[in-house]
């Protein structure tokens, strides 16, 4: 009787190339479910048997996403993987291996977490050379007034257009529509008020555009005060 082959100790080169292609080509951050669908289930001839985003909202997947690359599998993961039978490596083990793969080859990209998803970004050391181009692109897309509206939505969400208008003293409908078109702002629902006005909030694309993992990474509201407001608080 022939002895069974030893299981692989690391993801194959082909798997890492496929994961790199997935992250590099995706216009949006890639979820753990998407990695599982593409890498772990590709041999089955079908995609994941649940919609993307369902499993990652569960406690186990959320805990897995909260671990930084290199932390290793969570307690009890070996038993769970063995029970699954079909997964040689977890999505996080693929991501850990990809980080080492990128480093070994000197690829000018780095893996970063965005919310509960992941994407490839340019390495920080290339920032000075690219800063002018990025700043010009951002200026072309968002003017000062639109950025002001975006900041109000980010810090006060869920927020009504009427509240944004009241704070700014001018109408903000055009800027909100522009932010909706850019997918930086989305409609969260309707307020329980006469007329059922829309409530606005930011999107995953907003986190991605500003390099944030979550809304908790936004600067503290106190740091955005005008100098006169800060001075008045200190004298009080």
C-alpha atoms as a PDB file:
ATOM      1  CA  UNK A   1       0.000   0.000   0.000  1.00  0.00           C
ATOM      2  CA  UNK A   2       1.509   3.305  -1.055  1.00  0.00           C
ATOM      3  CA  UNK A   3       2.033   5.852   1.714  1.00  0.00           C
ATOM      4  CA  UNK A   4      -0.093   8.991   1.407  1.00  0.00           C
ATOM      5  CA  UNK A   5       1.657  12.132   0.206  1.00  0.00           C
ATOM      6  CA  UNK A   6       2.595  14.685   2.828  1.00  0.00           C
ATOM      7  CA  UNK A   7       0.327  17.745   2.814  1.00  0.00           C
ATOM      8  CA  UNK A   8       1.905  20.955   1.460  1.00  0.00           C
ATOM      9  CA  UNK A   9       3.541  23.147   4.091  1.00  0.00           C
ATOM     10  CA  UNK A  10       2.973  26.406   2.188  1.00  0.00           C
ATOM     11  CA  UNK A  11       0.766  27.695  -0.633  1.00  0.00           C
ATOM     12  CA  UNK A  12       2.092  26.927  -4.086  1.00  0.00           C
ATOM     13  CA  UNK A  13       3.613  29.480  -6.429  1.00  0.00           C
ATOM     14  CA  UNK A  14       0.593  29.103  -8.692  1.00  0.00           C
ATOM     15  CA  UNK A  15      -1.793  29.862  -5.818  1.00  0.00           C
ATOM     16  CA  UNK A  16       0.148  32.977  -4.817  1.00  0.00           C
ATOM     17  CA  UNK A  17       0.256  34.212  -8.400  1.00  0.00           C
ATOM     18  CA  UNK A  18      -3.504  33.755  -8.624  1.00  0.00           C
ATOM     19  CA  UNK A  19      -4.052  35.614  -5.343  1.00  0.00           C
ATOM     20  CA  UNK A  20      -1.788  38.436  -6.531  1.00  0.00           C
ATOM     21  CA  UNK A  21      -3.747  38.663  -9.790  1.00  0.00           C
ATOM     22  CA  UNK A  22      -7.027  38.736  -7.875  1.00  0.00           C
ATOM     23  CA  UNK A  23      -5.930  41.579  -5.579  1.00  0.00           C
ATOM     24  CA  UNK A  24      -4.171  43.534  -8.329  1.00  0.00           C
ATOM     25  CA  UNK A  25      -7.049  43.394 -10.811  1.00  0.00           C
ATOM     26  CA  UNK A  26      -9.931  43.965  -8.406  1.00  0.00           C
ATOM     27  CA  UNK A  27     -11.320  47.546  -8.510  1.00  0.00           C
ATOM     28  CA  UNK A  28     -12.532  47.078  -4.923  1.00  0.00           C
ATOM     29  CA  UNK A  29     -10.915  45.633  -1.784  1.00  0.00           C
ATOM     30  CA  UNK A  30     -11.121  41.828  -1.765  1.00  0.00           C
ATOM     31  CA  UNK A  31     -13.005  40.028   0.999  1.00  0.00           C
ATOM     32  CA  UNK A  32     -11.965  36.805   2.708  1.00  0.00           C
ATOM     33  CA  UNK A  33     -14.985  35.126   1.120  1.00  0.00           C
ATOM     34  CA  UNK A  34     -13.794  36.143  -2.345  1.00  0.00           C
ATOM     35  CA  UNK A  35     -10.336  34.688  -1.649  1.00  0.00           C
ATOM     36  CA  UNK A  36     -11.970  31.497  -0.419  1.00  0.00           C
ATOM     37  CA  UNK A  37     -14.161  31.346  -3.522  1.00  0.00           C
ATOM     38  CA  UNK A  38     -11.302  31.855  -5.967  1.00  0.00           C
ATOM     39  CA  UNK A  39      -8.529  29.864  -4.276  1.00  0.00           C
ATOM     40  CA  UNK A  40     -10.050  27.270  -1.986  1.00  0.00           C
ATOM     41  CA  UNK A  41     -13.024  26.207  -4.061  1.00  0.00           C
ATOM     42  CA  UNK A  42     -11.737  26.577  -7.592  1.00  0.00           C
ATOM     43  CA  UNK A  43     -11.302  22.830  -7.972  1.00  0.00           C
ATOM     44  CA  UNK A  44     -14.965  22.166  -7.290  1.00  0.00           C
ATOM     45  CA  UNK A  45     -16.143  23.727 -10.533  1.00  0.00           C
ATOM     46  CA  UNK A  46     -18.416  26.160  -8.694  1.00  0.00           C
ATOM     47  CA  UNK A  47     -18.167  29.319  -6.644  1.00  0.00           C
ATOM     48  CA  UNK A  48     -18.867  29.802  -2.984  1.00  0.00           C
ATOM     49  CA  UNK A  49     -22.175  28.277  -1.862  1.00  0.00           C
ATOM     50  CA  UNK A  50     -23.159  31.515  -0.091  1.00  0.00           C
ATOM     51  CA  UNK A  51     -23.238  35.132  -1.244  1.00  0.00           C
ATOM     52  CA  UNK A  52     -20.116  37.196  -0.736  1.00  0.00           C
ATOM     53  CA  UNK A  53     -20.216  39.148   2.509  1.00  0.00           C
ATOM     54  CA  UNK A  54     -22.543  36.770   4.399  1.00  0.00           C
ATOM     55  CA  UNK A  55     -19.927  34.656   6.110  1.00  0.00           C
ATOM     56  CA  UNK A  56     -17.558  37.531   6.795  1.00  0.00           C
ATOM     57  CA  UNK A  57     -20.224  39.165   8.957  1.00  0.00           C
ATOM     58  CA  UNK A  58     -20.264  36.150  11.265  1.00  0.00           C
ATOM     59  CA  UNK A  59     -18.272  36.093  14.536  1.00  0.00           C
ATOM     60  CA  UNK A  60     -15.626  33.633  13.312  1.00  0.00           C
ATOM     61  CA  UNK A  61     -14.900  35.437  10.050  1.00  0.00           C
ATOM     62  CA  UNK A  62     -14.941  38.816  11.775  1.00  0.00           C
ATOM     63  CA  UNK A  63     -12.366  37.582  14.283  1.00  0.00           C
ATOM     64  CA  UNK A  64     -10.263  36.216  11.423  1.00  0.00           C
ATOM     65  CA  UNK A  65     -10.367  39.555   9.599  1.00  0.00           C
ATOM     66  CA  UNK A  66      -9.373  41.427  12.769  1.00  0.00           C
ATOM     67  CA  UNK A  67      -6.066  39.587  12.965  1.00  0.00           C
ATOM     68  CA  UNK A  68      -3.165  41.322  11.226  1.00  0.00           C
ATOM     69  CA  UNK A  69      -1.112  39.334   8.660  1.00  0.00           C
ATOM     70  CA  UNK A  70       1.536  37.310  10.472  1.00  0.00           C
ATOM     71  CA  UNK A  71      -0.536  36.707  13.618  1.00  0.00           C
ATOM     72  CA  UNK A  72      -1.000  33.065  12.722  1.00  0.00           C
ATOM     73  CA  UNK A  73      -4.231  31.044  12.721  1.00  0.00           C
ATOM     74  CA  UNK A  74      -6.721  31.535  15.564  1.00  0.00           C
ATOM     75  CA  UNK A  75      -6.986  29.049  18.388  1.00  0.00           C
ATOM     76  CA  UNK A  76      -8.700  25.881  17.193  1.00  0.00           C
ATOM     77  CA  UNK A  77      -8.156  26.695  13.518  1.00  0.00           C
ATOM     78  CA  UNK A  78      -6.260  23.443  12.855  1.00  0.00           C
ATOM     79  CA  UNK A  79      -9.210  21.393  14.050  1.00  0.00           C
ATOM     80  CA  UNK A  80     -11.667  23.462  12.021  1.00  0.00           C
ATOM     81  CA  UNK A  81      -9.538  23.188   8.874  1.00  0.00           C
ATOM     82  CA  UNK A  82      -9.206  19.469   9.315  1.00  0.00           C
ATOM     83  CA  UNK A  83     -12.958  19.144   9.706  1.00  0.00           C
ATOM     84  CA  UNK A  84     -13.546  21.166   6.574  1.00  0.00           C
ATOM     85  CA  UNK A  85     -11.382  18.715   4.668  1.00  0.00           C
ATOM     86  CA  UNK A  86     -11.297  20.815   1.519  1.00  0.00           C
ATOM     87  CA  UNK A  87      -9.157  23.746   2.671  1.00  0.00           C
ATOM     88  CA  UNK A  88      -5.430  23.183   2.736  1.00  0.00           C
ATOM     89  CA  UNK A  89      -4.858  26.753   3.917  1.00  0.00           C
ATOM     90  CA  UNK A  90      -7.115  29.441   5.318  1.00  0.00           C
ATOM     91  CA  UNK A  91      -7.515  32.746   3.424  1.00  0.00           C
ATOM     92  CA  UNK A  92      -5.369  34.436   6.079  1.00  0.00           C
ATOM     93  CA  UNK A  93      -2.572  31.898   5.554  1.00  0.00           C
ATOM     94  CA  UNK A  94      -2.659  32.699   1.845  1.00  0.00           C
ATOM     95  CA  UNK A  95      -2.414  36.417   2.652  1.00  0.00           C
ATOM     96  CA  UNK A  96       0.495  35.846   5.042  1.00  0.00           C
ATOM     97  CA  UNK A  97       2.312  33.834   2.360  1.00  0.00           C
ATOM     98  CA  UNK A  98       1.620  36.526  -0.236  1.00  0.00           C
ATOM     99  CA  UNK A  99       3.209  39.184   1.990  1.00  0.00           C
ATOM    100  CA  UNK A 100       6.425  37.144   2.131  1.00  0.00           C
ATOM    101  CA  UNK A 101       6.158  36.451  -1.620  1.00  0.00           C
ATOM    102  CA  UNK A 102       5.970  40.177  -2.401  1.00  0.00           C
ATOM    103  CA  UNK A 103       8.882  40.964  -0.076  1.00  0.00           C
ATOM    104  CA  UNK A 104      11.128  38.269  -1.550  1.00  0.00           C
ATOM    105  CA  UNK A 105      10.588  39.546  -5.079  1.00  0.00           C
ATOM    106  CA  UNK A 106      10.922  43.242  -4.278  1.00  0.00           C
ATOM    107  CA  UNK A 107       7.489  44.034  -5.722  1.00  0.00           C
ATOM    108  CA  UNK A 108       6.739  47.749  -5.064  1.00  0.00           C
ATOM    109  CA  UNK A 109       3.359  46.861  -3.570  1.00  0.00           C
ATOM    110  CA  UNK A 110       2.241  46.066  -0.046  1.00  0.00           C
ATOM    111  CA  UNK A 111      -0.815  44.245   1.281  1.00  0.00           C
ATOM    112  CA  UNK A 112      -3.129  46.388   3.398  1.00  0.00           C
ATOM    113  CA  UNK A 113      -6.406  45.759   5.183  1.00  0.00           C
ATOM    114  CA  UNK A 114      -9.333  48.047   4.306  1.00  0.00           C
ATOM    115  CA  UNK A 115     -12.247  47.496   6.658  1.00  0.00           C
ATOM    116  CA  UNK A 116     -12.728  43.731   6.577  1.00  0.00           C
ATOM    117  CA  UNK A 117     -11.207  43.392   3.122  1.00  0.00           C
ATOM    118  CA  UNK A 118      -7.724  43.577   1.603  1.00  0.00           C
ATOM    119  CA  UNK A 119      -6.003  45.234  -1.327  1.00  0.00           C
ATOM    120  CA  UNK A 120      -2.573  45.973  -2.768  1.00  0.00           C
ATOM    121  CA  UNK A 121      -1.180  49.483  -2.346  1.00  0.00           C
ATOM    122  CA  UNK A 122       2.022  51.186  -3.458  1.00  0.00           C
ATOM    123  CA  UNK A 123       4.846  50.986  -0.918  1.00  0.00           C
ATOM    124  CA  UNK A 124       5.271  54.134   1.245  1.00  0.00           C
ATOM    125  CA  UNK A 125       8.794  54.825  -0.019  1.00  0.00           C
ATOM    126  CA  UNK A 126       7.373  55.605  -3.455  1.00  0.00           C
ATOM    127  CA  UNK A 127       4.940  58.179  -2.013  1.00  0.00           C
ATOM    128  CA  UNK A 128       7.133  61.299  -2.663  1.00  0.00           C
ATOM    129  CA  UNK A 129       7.398  60.525  -6.368  1.00  0.00           C
ATOM    130  CA  UNK A 130       3.669  59.848  -6.705  1.00  0.00           C
ATOM    131  CA  UNK A 131       2.340  62.504  -4.320  1.00  0.00           C
ATOM    132  CA  UNK A 132       2.087  65.261  -6.920  1.00  0.00           C
ATOM    133  CA  UNK A 133       0.097  63.079  -9.304  1.00  0.00           C
ATOM    134  CA  UNK A 134      -2.230  61.867  -6.561  1.00  0.00           C
ATOM    135  CA  UNK A 135      -2.766  65.373  -5.217  1.00  0.00           C
ATOM    136  CA  UNK A 136      -3.603  66.659  -8.693  1.00  0.00           C
ATOM    137  CA  UNK A 137      -6.106  63.829  -9.251  1.00  0.00           C
ATOM    138  CA  UNK A 138      -7.777  64.469  -5.897  1.00  0.00           C
ATOM    139  CA  UNK A 139      -8.023  68.201  -6.622  1.00  0.00           C
ATOM    140  CA  UNK A 140      -9.623  67.528  -9.971  1.00  0.00           C
ATOM    141  CA  UNK A 141     -12.280  65.317  -8.401  1.00  0.00           C
ATOM    142  CA  UNK A 142     -13.143  67.073  -5.127  1.00  0.00           C
ATOM    143  CA  UNK A 143     -13.274  70.797  -4.514  1.00  0.00           C
ATOM    144  CA  UNK A 144     -13.125  72.442  -1.060  1.00  0.00           C
ATOM    145  CA  UNK A 145     -16.922  72.658  -0.732  1.00  0.00           C
ATOM    146  CA  UNK A 146     -17.378  68.993  -1.650  1.00  0.00           C
ATOM    147  CA  UNK A 147     -14.684  67.974   0.821  1.00  0.00           C
ATOM    148  CA  UNK A 148     -16.477  70.018   3.474  1.00  0.00           C
ATOM    149  CA  UNK A 149     -19.721  68.149   2.816  1.00  0.00           C
ATOM    150  CA  UNK A 150     -17.880  64.827   2.853  1.00  0.00           C
ATOM    151  CA  UNK A 151     -16.297  65.659   6.223  1.00  0.00           C
ATOM    152  CA  UNK A 152     -19.696  66.529   7.697  1.00  0.00           C
ATOM    153  CA  UNK A 153     -21.154  63.250   6.485  1.00  0.00           C
ATOM    154  CA  UNK A 154     -18.180  61.273   7.789  1.00  0.00           C
ATOM    155  CA  UNK A 155     -18.255  62.761  11.285  1.00  0.00           C
ATOM    156  CA  UNK A 156     -22.025  63.073  11.772  1.00  0.00           C
ATOM    157  CA  UNK A 157     -23.391  60.015   9.978  1.00  0.00           C
ATOM    158  CA  UNK A 158     -26.143  59.064   9.711  1.00  0.00           C
ATOM    159  CA  UNK A 159     -26.899  62.644   8.755  1.00  0.00           C
ATOM    160  CA  UNK A 160     -29.705  64.467   6.948  1.00  0.00           C
ATOM    161  CA  UNK A 161     -29.096  66.799   4.023  1.00  0.00           C
ATOM    162  CA  UNK A 162     -31.004  69.453   5.986  1.00  0.00           C
ATOM    163  CA  UNK A 163     -28.475  69.168   8.813  1.00  0.00           C
ATOM    164  CA  UNK A 164     -25.549  69.519   6.403  1.00  0.00           C
ATOM    165  CA  UNK A 165     -27.244  72.557   4.820  1.00  0.00           C
ATOM    166  CA  UNK A 166     -27.861  74.122   8.246  1.00  0.00           C
ATOM    167  CA  UNK A 167     -24.234  73.717   9.329  1.00  0.00           C
ATOM    168  CA  UNK A 168     -22.819  75.085   6.068  1.00  0.00           C
ATOM    169  CA  UNK A 169     -25.445  77.785   5.592  1.00  0.00           C
ATOM    170  CA  UNK A 170     -25.872  76.890   1.912  1.00  0.00           C
ATOM    171  CA  UNK A 171     -27.501  74.151  -0.142  1.00  0.00           C
ATOM    172  CA  UNK A 172     -25.441  70.949  -0.381  1.00  0.00           C
ATOM    173  CA  UNK A 173     -27.564  68.836  -2.722  1.00  0.00           C
ATOM    174  CA  UNK A 174     -25.204  69.130  -5.680  1.00  0.00           C
ATOM    175  CA  UNK A 175     -22.177  68.138  -3.622  1.00  0.00           C
ATOM    176  CA  UNK A 176     -24.025  65.172  -2.122  1.00  0.00           C
ATOM    177  CA  UNK A 177     -25.019  63.976  -5.593  1.00  0.00           C
ATOM    178  CA  UNK A 178     -21.391  64.278  -6.720  1.00  0.00           C
ATOM    179  CA  UNK A 179     -20.236  62.252  -3.695  1.00  0.00           C
ATOM    180  CA  UNK A 180     -22.907  59.645  -4.417  1.00  0.00           C
ATOM    181  CA  UNK A 181     -21.655  59.390  -8.021  1.00  0.00           C
ATOM    182  CA  UNK A 182     -18.095  58.895  -6.736  1.00  0.00           C
ATOM    183  CA  UNK A 183     -19.367  56.216  -4.311  1.00  0.00           C
ATOM    184  CA  UNK A 184     -17.833  58.028  -1.359  1.00  0.00           C
ATOM    185  CA  UNK A 185     -21.269  58.564   0.189  1.00  0.00           C
ATOM    186  CA  UNK A 186     -24.318  56.302   0.214  1.00  0.00           C
ATOM    187  CA  UNK A 187     -27.931  56.467   1.356  1.00  0.00           C
ATOM    188  CA  UNK A 188     -28.313  54.572   4.613  1.00  0.00           C
ATOM    189  CA  UNK A 189     -32.096  54.759   4.775  1.00  0.00           C
ATOM    190  CA  UNK A 190     -34.831  57.215   5.656  1.00  0.00           C
ATOM    191  CA  UNK A 191     -35.322  59.182   8.860  1.00  0.00           C
ATOM    192  CA  UNK A 192     -38.487  58.771  10.885  1.00  0.00           C
ATOM    193  CA  UNK A 193     -39.485  62.377  10.181  1.00  0.00           C
ATOM    194  CA  UNK A 194     -42.138  64.102   8.061  1.00  0.00           C
ATOM    195  CA  UNK A 195     -41.333  63.497   4.411  1.00  0.00           C
ATOM    196  CA  UNK A 196     -39.055  60.563   5.316  1.00  0.00           C
ATOM    197  CA  UNK A 197     -35.812  62.345   4.249  1.00  0.00           C
ATOM    198  CA  UNK A 198     -32.724  60.342   3.321  1.00  0.00           C
ATOM    199  CA  UNK A 199     -29.948  59.618   5.803  1.00  0.00           C
ATOM    200  CA  UNK A 200     -26.409  59.741   4.401  1.00  0.00           C
ATOM    201  CA  UNK A 201     -23.228  57.942   5.412  1.00  0.00           C
ATOM    202  CA  UNK A 202     -19.828  57.042   3.995  1.00  0.00           C
ATOM    203  CA  UNK A 203     -18.892  53.924   2.036  1.00  0.00           C
ATOM    204  CA  UNK A 204     -16.113  51.365   1.922  1.00  0.00           C
ATOM    205  CA  UNK A 205     -14.707  53.332  -1.022  1.00  0.00           C
ATOM    206  CA  UNK A 206     -14.408  56.334   1.310  1.00  0.00           C
ATOM    207  CA  UNK A 207     -12.252  54.288   3.699  1.00  0.00           C
ATOM    208  CA  UNK A 208     -10.161  53.074   0.789  1.00  0.00           C
ATOM    209  CA  UNK A 209      -9.678  56.548  -0.708  1.00  0.00           C
ATOM    210  CA  UNK A 210      -8.405  57.984   2.584  1.00  0.00           C
ATOM    211  CA  UNK A 211      -6.398  54.948   3.705  1.00  0.00           C
ATOM    212  CA  UNK A 212      -8.606  54.123   6.711  1.00  0.00           C
ATOM    213  CA  UNK A 213      -9.313  50.695   8.144  1.00  0.00           C
ATOM    214  CA  UNK A 214     -12.510  51.909   9.801  1.00  0.00           C
ATOM    215  CA  UNK A 215     -14.269  55.111  10.850  1.00  0.00           C
ATOM    216  CA  UNK A 216     -12.476  54.813  14.190  1.00  0.00           C
ATOM    217  CA  UNK A 217      -9.304  55.902  12.338  1.00  0.00           C
ATOM    218  CA  UNK A 218     -10.753  59.336  11.558  1.00  0.00           C
ATOM    219  CA  UNK A 219      -8.940  62.166  13.376  1.00  0.00           C
ATOM    220  CA  UNK A 220     -10.631  63.256  16.564  1.00  0.00           C
ATOM    221  CA  UNK A 221     -13.341  65.857  16.019  1.00  0.00           C
ATOM    222  CA  UNK A 222     -11.553  68.248  18.390  1.00  0.00           C
ATOM    223  CA  UNK A 223      -8.594  68.404  16.031  1.00  0.00           C
ATOM    224  CA  UNK A 224     -10.830  69.879  13.326  1.00  0.00           C
ATOM    225  CA  UNK A 225     -11.847  72.950  15.325  1.00  0.00           C
ATOM    226  CA  UNK A 226     -11.037  76.384  13.982  1.00  0.00           C
ATOM    227  CA  UNK A 227      -8.228  78.146  15.937  1.00  0.00           C
ATOM    228  CA  UNK A 228     -10.711  80.630  17.459  1.00  0.00           C
ATOM    229  CA  UNK A 229     -12.918  77.777  18.717  1.00  0.00           C
ATOM    230  CA  UNK A 230      -9.949  75.955  20.214  1.00  0.00           C
ATOM    231  CA  UNK A 231      -8.781  79.150  21.925  1.00  0.00           C
ATOM    232  CA  UNK A 232     -12.233  79.772  23.407  1.00  0.00           C
ATOM    233  CA  UNK A 233     -12.278  76.249  24.841  1.00  0.00           C
ATOM    234  CA  UNK A 234      -8.879  76.692  26.442  1.00  0.00           C
ATOM    235  CA  UNK A 235      -9.935  79.961  28.082  1.00  0.00           C
ATOM    236  CA  UNK A 236     -13.192  78.528  29.429  1.00  0.00           C
END
